[in-house]
Amino acid sequence: MPKTFFEHELERIYGEILFRPEQYAQVRKSKDFMENFYSGKVELDDLAKAAFMSRFHYVRIFKSMYGLTPRAYLRDLRTSKVKVLIKQGLSITQVCFEVGYESATTFSSVFKKCTSYSPRDYQGLHNSNLE
């Protein structure tokens, strides 16, 4: 499989930042885990422990690799999934739980903060574009 842009950039970064390659590999695995299990309860402490790092060190390496904290990455990942599911016609409540939020209020405020639209407004905007 050819290397992605991110993988090429990571190789470039390896030479610039003094983290061990196995630390990068562990953080990449945790990112893959988030991408596959974003709808579950993803805890920062568990990700750091799985990467054999302290929480602080894990966040620092993740941010240096991807430009975002793990929490922000997960938030953005979930937000992009929400957009897809809303466009597929799922209800707002269904989407909320599908992407891993336990509270509709939290889900709505996070989505609005990221997109400037409430989930309902985003749904209405998408539905009006289909007509």
N, C-alpha and C. Protein backbone atom coordinates (compact mmCIF):
# COMPACT_ATOMS: atom_id res chain seq x y z
N MET A 1 0.85 -1.17 0.00
CA MET A 1 0.00 0.00 0.00
C MET A 1 0.90 1.24 0.00
N PRO A 2 0.65 2.18 -0.90
CA PRO A 2 1.48 3.39 -0.95
C PRO A 2 1.28 4.24 0.32
N LYS A 3 2.31 4.98 0.65
CA LYS A 3 2.25 5.83 1.84
C LYS A 3 1.37 7.04 1.59
N THR A 4 0.65 7.41 2.64
CA THR A 4 -0.21 8.59 2.55
C THR A 4 0.63 9.84 2.77
N PHE A 5 0.02 10.97 2.50
CA PHE A 5 0.68 12.25 2.75
C PHE A 5 1.10 12.33 4.21
N PHE A 6 0.20 11.93 5.12
CA PHE A 6 0.51 11.97 6.55
C PHE A 6 1.73 11.11 6.88
N GLU A 7 1.80 9.94 6.30
CA GLU A 7 2.94 9.05 6.58
C GLU A 7 4.25 9.66 6.08
N HIS A 8 4.22 10.29 4.92
CA HIS A 8 5.42 10.97 4.43
C HIS A 8 5.81 12.12 5.36
N GLU A 9 4.81 12.86 5.81
CA GLU A 9 5.07 13.97 6.74
C GLU A 9 5.61 13.45 8.06
N LEU A 10 5.10 12.32 8.51
CA LEU A 10 5.61 11.75 9.77
C LEU A 10 7.07 11.36 9.64
N GLU A 11 7.43 10.79 8.53
CA GLU A 11 8.83 10.44 8.31
C GLU A 11 9.71 11.69 8.34
N ARG A 12 9.21 12.76 7.74
CA ARG A 12 9.95 14.02 7.76
C ARG A 12 10.08 14.54 9.19
N ILE A 13 9.00 14.44 9.93
CA ILE A 13 9.00 14.92 11.32
C ILE A 13 9.94 14.10 12.19
N TYR A 14 10.04 12.79 11.91
CA TYR A 14 10.95 11.93 12.70
C TYR A 14 12.33 12.55 12.81
N GLY A 15 12.80 13.12 11.72
CA GLY A 15 14.12 13.71 11.71
C GLY A 15 14.21 15.03 12.46
N GLU A 16 13.08 15.67 12.67
CA GLU A 16 13.07 16.98 13.30
C GLU A 16 12.80 16.94 14.80
N ILE A 17 12.05 15.97 15.26
CA ILE A 17 11.67 15.89 16.67
C ILE A 17 12.30 14.64 17.27
N LEU A 18 12.73 14.76 18.47
CA LEU A 18 13.49 13.68 19.08
C LEU A 18 12.62 12.71 19.88
N PHE A 19 11.62 12.14 19.25
CA PHE A 19 10.84 11.08 19.87
C PHE A 19 11.28 9.77 19.25
N ARG A 20 11.17 8.71 19.99
CA ARG A 20 11.56 7.40 19.48
C ARG A 20 10.53 6.90 18.46
N PRO A 21 10.97 6.22 17.40
CA PRO A 21 10.05 5.72 16.37
C PRO A 21 8.93 4.85 16.93
N GLU A 22 9.21 4.06 17.96
CA GLU A 22 8.16 3.20 18.52
C GLU A 22 7.07 4.04 19.19
N GLN A 23 7.43 5.24 19.68
CA GLN A 23 6.41 6.11 20.24
C GLN A 23 5.48 6.61 19.14
N TYR A 24 6.03 6.96 18.01
CA TYR A 24 5.21 7.36 16.88
C TYR A 24 4.28 6.21 16.45
N ALA A 25 4.84 5.01 16.41
CA ALA A 25 4.04 3.85 16.00
C ALA A 25 2.87 3.64 16.96
N GLN A 26 3.12 3.77 18.25
CA GLN A 26 2.05 3.59 19.24
C GLN A 26 0.97 4.67 19.09
N VAL A 27 1.38 5.88 18.85
CA VAL A 27 0.41 6.97 18.69
C VAL A 27 -0.39 6.77 17.41
N ARG A 28 0.26 6.33 16.34
CA ARG A 28 -0.47 6.03 15.09
C ARG A 28 -1.51 4.94 15.32
N LYS A 29 -1.14 3.92 16.11
CA LYS A 29 -2.10 2.85 16.43
C LYS A 29 -3.29 3.40 17.20
N SER A 30 -3.02 4.32 18.11
CA SER A 30 -4.13 4.88 18.88
C SER A 30 -5.04 5.72 18.00
N LYS A 31 -4.46 6.42 17.02
CA LYS A 31 -5.26 7.20 16.07
C LYS A 31 -6.13 6.25 15.25
N ASP A 32 -5.56 5.15 14.80
CA ASP A 32 -6.33 4.14 14.07
C ASP A 32 -7.46 3.59 14.94
N PHE A 33 -7.16 3.38 16.22
CA PHE A 33 -8.18 2.90 17.15
C PHE A 33 -9.33 3.90 17.22
N MET A 34 -9.02 5.20 17.34
CA MET A 34 -10.07 6.22 17.40
C MET A 34 -10.91 6.21 16.12
N GLU A 35 -10.25 6.04 14.98
CA GLU A 35 -10.97 6.04 13.71
C GLU A 35 -11.91 4.84 13.59
N ASN A 36 -11.53 3.72 14.19
CA ASN A 36 -12.35 2.52 14.11
C ASN A 36 -13.42 2.43 15.20
N PHE A 37 -13.15 3.04 16.35
CA PHE A 37 -14.05 2.90 17.49
C PHE A 37 -14.51 4.25 18.04
N TYR A 38 -14.62 5.25 17.16
CA TYR A 38 -15.02 6.60 17.57
C TYR A 38 -16.39 6.63 18.25
N SER A 39 -17.23 5.65 17.94
CA SER A 39 -18.58 5.66 18.50
C SER A 39 -18.65 5.09 19.91
N GLY A 40 -17.54 4.53 20.38
CA GLY A 40 -17.50 4.00 21.74
C GLY A 40 -16.95 5.03 22.71
N LYS A 41 -16.77 4.60 23.93
CA LYS A 41 -16.22 5.48 24.94
C LYS A 41 -14.70 5.43 24.81
N VAL A 42 -14.13 6.48 24.28
CA VAL A 42 -12.68 6.57 24.06
C VAL A 42 -12.11 7.47 25.15
N GLU A 43 -11.31 6.89 26.02
CA GLU A 43 -10.74 7.63 27.15
C GLU A 43 -9.27 7.94 26.90
N LEU A 44 -8.88 9.16 27.17
CA LEU A 44 -7.50 9.59 26.98
C LEU A 44 -6.53 8.75 27.81
N ASP A 45 -6.88 8.45 29.04
CA ASP A 45 -6.01 7.64 29.88
C ASP A 45 -5.78 6.26 29.29
N ASP A 46 -6.81 5.67 28.70
CA ASP A 46 -6.68 4.35 28.09
C ASP A 46 -5.79 4.40 26.84
N LEU A 47 -5.94 5.46 26.05
CA LEU A 47 -5.09 5.60 24.86
C LEU A 47 -3.63 5.76 25.26
N ALA A 48 -3.39 6.58 26.27
CA ALA A 48 -2.01 6.81 26.73
C ALA A 48 -1.42 5.52 27.29
N LYS A 49 -2.21 4.80 28.07
CA LYS A 49 -1.73 3.56 28.67
C LYS A 49 -1.40 2.53 27.58
N ALA A 50 -2.26 2.44 26.57
CA ALA A 50 -2.02 1.50 25.47
C ALA A 50 -0.77 1.86 24.68
N ALA A 51 -0.41 3.15 24.68
CA ALA A 51 0.79 3.62 23.98
C ALA A 51 2.02 3.58 24.89
N PHE A 52 1.83 3.09 26.12
CA PHE A 52 2.93 2.99 27.10
C PHE A 52 3.54 4.35 27.41
N MET A 53 2.67 5.34 27.58
CA MET A 53 3.13 6.70 27.87
C MET A 53 2.28 7.31 28.96
N SER A 54 2.83 8.34 29.57
CA SER A 54 2.00 9.12 30.48
C SER A 54 1.00 9.90 29.64
N ARG A 55 -0.06 10.32 30.26
CA ARG A 55 -1.09 11.09 29.57
C ARG A 55 -0.48 12.35 28.94
N PHE A 56 0.34 13.05 29.70
CA PHE A 56 0.96 14.29 29.22
C PHE A 56 1.85 14.03 28.00
N HIS A 57 2.69 13.01 28.10
CA HIS A 57 3.62 12.70 27.01
C HIS A 57 2.85 12.25 25.75
N TYR A 58 1.82 11.47 25.96
CA TYR A 58 1.00 11.00 24.84
C TYR A 58 0.36 12.19 24.10
N VAL A 59 -0.24 13.10 24.85
CA VAL A 59 -0.88 14.26 24.23
C VAL A 59 0.15 15.10 23.48
N ARG A 60 1.32 15.26 24.07
CA ARG A 60 2.38 16.05 23.44
C ARG A 60 2.82 15.43 22.11
N ILE A 61 3.04 14.12 22.09
CA ILE A 61 3.47 13.46 20.86
C ILE A 61 2.34 13.47 19.82
N PHE A 62 1.12 13.17 20.26
CA PHE A 62 -0.02 13.17 19.33
C PHE A 62 -0.15 14.54 18.68
N LYS A 63 -0.10 15.58 19.48
CA LYS A 63 -0.25 16.94 18.94
C LYS A 63 0.89 17.29 17.99
N SER A 64 2.10 16.84 18.30
CA SER A 64 3.22 17.14 17.41
C SER A 64 3.07 16.40 16.08
N MET A 65 2.42 15.24 16.11
CA MET A 65 2.25 14.45 14.89
C MET A 65 1.09 14.94 14.04
N TYR A 66 -0.02 15.29 14.67
CA TYR A 66 -1.25 15.56 13.93
C TYR A 66 -1.75 17.00 14.04
N GLY A 67 -1.10 17.80 14.86
CA GLY A 67 -1.48 19.20 14.97
C GLY A 67 -2.70 19.46 15.83
N LEU A 68 -3.25 18.41 16.41
CA LEU A 68 -4.43 18.50 17.28
C LEU A 68 -4.21 17.62 18.49
N THR A 69 -4.87 17.95 19.57
CA THR A 69 -4.85 17.04 20.72
C THR A 69 -5.71 15.82 20.37
N PRO A 70 -5.53 14.71 21.07
CA PRO A 70 -6.37 13.54 20.79
C PRO A 70 -7.86 13.86 20.95
N ARG A 71 -8.21 14.64 21.95
CA ARG A 71 -9.61 15.00 22.18
C ARG A 71 -10.16 15.81 21.01
N ALA A 72 -9.40 16.77 20.51
CA ALA A 72 -9.83 17.57 19.36
C ALA A 72 -9.93 16.71 18.11
N TYR A 73 -8.99 15.78 17.94
CA TYR A 73 -9.03 14.88 16.79
C TYR A 73 -10.30 14.03 16.82
N LEU A 74 -10.61 13.47 17.99
CA LEU A 74 -11.81 12.65 18.13
C LEU A 74 -13.06 13.49 17.89
N ARG A 75 -13.10 14.70 18.41
CA ARG A 75 -14.23 15.60 18.20
C ARG A 75 -14.43 15.88 16.71
N ASP A 76 -13.35 16.19 16.01
CA ASP A 76 -13.44 16.48 14.57
C ASP A 76 -13.83 15.25 13.77
N LEU A 77 -13.32 14.10 14.17
CA LEU A 77 -13.67 12.84 13.52
C LEU A 77 -15.16 12.57 13.67
N ARG A 78 -15.66 12.72 14.89
CA ARG A 78 -17.09 12.51 15.14
C ARG A 78 -17.94 13.52 14.37
N THR A 79 -17.50 14.76 14.32
CA THR A 79 -18.25 15.79 13.60
C THR A 79 -18.36 15.45 12.12
N SER A 80 -17.28 14.98 11.53
CA SER A 80 -17.36 14.61 10.11
C SER A 80 -18.28 13.41 9.90
N LYS A 81 -18.30 12.48 10.84
CA LYS A 81 -19.21 11.33 10.74
C LYS A 81 -20.65 11.79 10.89
N VAL A 82 -20.89 12.75 11.79
CA VAL A 82 -22.23 13.29 11.98
C VAL A 82 -22.75 13.86 10.67
N LYS A 83 -21.93 14.63 9.98
CA LYS A 83 -22.35 15.24 8.72
C LYS A 83 -22.78 14.19 7.71
N VAL A 84 -22.03 13.11 7.64
CA VAL A 84 -22.36 12.03 6.71
C VAL A 84 -23.68 11.38 7.09
N LEU A 85 -23.85 11.08 8.38
CA LEU A 85 -25.07 10.40 8.83
C LEU A 85 -26.30 11.28 8.68
N ILE A 86 -26.17 12.57 8.93
CA ILE A 86 -27.30 13.48 8.75
C ILE A 86 -27.68 13.52 7.26
N LYS A 87 -26.69 13.57 6.40
CA LYS A 87 -26.97 13.58 4.96
C LYS A 87 -27.63 12.29 4.50
N GLN A 88 -27.38 11.19 5.23
CA GLN A 88 -28.00 9.91 4.90
C GLN A 88 -29.45 9.83 5.39
N GLY A 89 -29.87 10.84 6.16
CA GLY A 89 -31.27 10.89 6.58
C GLY A 89 -31.55 10.36 7.98
N LEU A 90 -30.53 10.04 8.75
CA LEU A 90 -30.77 9.56 10.11
C LEU A 90 -31.29 10.71 10.98
N SER A 91 -32.05 10.36 12.00
CA SER A 91 -32.57 11.38 12.91
C SER A 91 -31.42 11.94 13.75
N ILE A 92 -31.61 13.14 14.27
CA ILE A 92 -30.58 13.79 15.08
C ILE A 92 -30.26 12.94 16.30
N THR A 93 -31.28 12.42 16.97
CA THR A 93 -31.07 11.59 18.16
C THR A 93 -30.28 10.33 17.80
N GLN A 94 -30.65 9.71 16.72
CA GLN A 94 -29.97 8.50 16.28
C GLN A 94 -28.50 8.79 15.97
N VAL A 95 -28.25 9.91 15.29
CA VAL A 95 -26.89 10.30 14.95
C VAL A 95 -26.08 10.55 16.21
N CYS A 96 -26.68 11.22 17.16
CA CYS A 96 -26.01 11.54 18.43
C CYS A 96 -25.42 10.29 19.07
N PHE A 97 -26.24 9.26 19.20
CA PHE A 97 -25.78 8.04 19.87
C PHE A 97 -24.90 7.20 18.95
N GLU A 98 -25.15 7.29 17.66
CA GLU A 98 -24.36 6.53 16.68
C GLU A 98 -22.88 6.92 16.70
N VAL A 99 -22.60 8.20 16.93
CA VAL A 99 -21.21 8.65 16.91
C VAL A 99 -20.56 8.68 18.29
N GLY A 100 -21.27 8.25 19.32
CA GLY A 100 -20.63 8.09 20.61
C GLY A 100 -20.95 9.12 21.67
N TYR A 101 -21.87 10.01 21.41
CA TYR A 101 -22.26 10.96 22.46
C TYR A 101 -23.33 10.33 23.34
N GLU A 102 -23.24 10.59 24.62
CA GLU A 102 -24.22 10.05 25.57
C GLU A 102 -25.28 11.08 25.91
N SER A 103 -25.05 12.33 25.54
CA SER A 103 -25.97 13.41 25.84
C SER A 103 -26.27 14.20 24.58
N ALA A 104 -27.56 14.38 24.29
CA ALA A 104 -27.95 15.15 23.12
C ALA A 104 -27.55 16.62 23.26
N THR A 105 -27.57 17.12 24.49
CA THR A 105 -27.19 18.51 24.74
C THR A 105 -25.71 18.73 24.43
N THR A 106 -24.88 17.83 24.92
CA THR A 106 -23.44 17.92 24.65
C THR A 106 -23.18 17.79 23.15
N PHE A 107 -23.83 16.81 22.55
CA PHE A 107 -23.69 16.60 21.11
C PHE A 107 -24.03 17.87 20.33
N SER A 108 -25.16 18.47 20.63
CA SER A 108 -25.59 19.68 19.92
C SER A 108 -24.62 20.83 20.11
N SER A 109 -24.16 21.03 21.34
CA SER A 109 -23.25 22.16 21.58
C SER A 109 -21.90 21.95 20.91
N VAL A 110 -21.39 20.73 20.92
CA VAL A 110 -20.11 20.45 20.26
C VAL A 110 -20.24 20.63 18.75
N PHE A 111 -21.32 20.09 18.19
CA PHE A 111 -21.52 20.20 16.74
C PHE A 111 -21.64 21.67 16.33
N LYS A 112 -22.40 22.44 17.10
CA LYS A 112 -22.58 23.85 16.77
C LYS A 112 -21.26 24.61 16.88
N LYS A 113 -20.47 24.28 17.90
CA LYS A 113 -19.17 24.94 18.07
C LYS A 113 -18.25 24.64 16.88
N CYS A 114 -18.34 23.44 16.34
CA CYS A 114 -17.46 23.04 15.24
C CYS A 114 -17.94 23.53 13.87
N THR A 115 -19.24 23.65 13.70
CA THR A 115 -19.77 23.93 12.36
C THR A 115 -20.53 25.25 12.24
N SER A 116 -20.83 25.87 13.37
CA SER A 116 -21.66 27.09 13.42
C SER A 116 -23.14 26.80 13.17
N TYR A 117 -23.49 25.54 13.03
CA TYR A 117 -24.89 25.14 12.85
C TYR A 117 -25.29 24.17 13.95
N SER A 118 -26.53 24.27 14.38
CA SER A 118 -27.05 23.22 15.26
C SER A 118 -27.27 22.00 14.37
N PRO A 119 -27.33 20.81 14.95
CA PRO A 119 -27.59 19.63 14.11
C PRO A 119 -28.90 19.76 13.31
N ARG A 120 -29.93 20.31 13.94
CA ARG A 120 -31.22 20.48 13.25
C ARG A 120 -31.09 21.46 12.08
N ASP A 121 -30.37 22.57 12.31
CA ASP A 121 -30.16 23.54 11.23
C ASP A 121 -29.35 22.92 10.09
N TYR A 122 -28.34 22.14 10.44
CA TYR A 122 -27.52 21.48 9.43
C TYR A 122 -28.38 20.50 8.62
N GLN A 123 -29.23 19.77 9.33
CA GLN A 123 -30.14 18.83 8.68
C GLN A 123 -31.08 19.58 7.73
N GLY A 124 -31.63 20.69 8.18
CA GLY A 124 -32.53 21.49 7.35
C GLY A 124 -31.81 22.06 6.14
N LEU A 125 -30.59 22.51 6.34
CA LEU A 125 -29.79 23.05 5.24
C LEU A 125 -29.56 21.97 4.19
N HIS A 126 -29.21 20.78 4.64
CA HIS A 126 -28.95 19.68 3.71
C HIS A 126 -30.24 19.27 2.99
N ASN A 127 -31.35 19.17 3.74
CA ASN A 127 -32.62 18.77 3.13
C ASN A 127 -33.10 19.78 2.12
N SER A 128 -32.89 21.07 2.38
CA SER A 128 -33.33 22.10 1.45
C SER A 128 -32.49 22.08 0.17
N ASN A 129 -31.24 21.62 0.27
CA ASN A 129 -30.38 21.54 -0.92
C ASN A 129 -30.77 20.35 -1.81
N LEU A 130 -31.48 19.37 -1.24
CA LEU A 130 -31.87 18.21 -2.03
C LEU A 130 -33.11 18.49 -2.89
N GLU A 131 -33.90 19.45 -2.47
CA GLU A 131 -35.17 19.72 -3.16
C GLU A 131 -34.99 20.51 -4.41
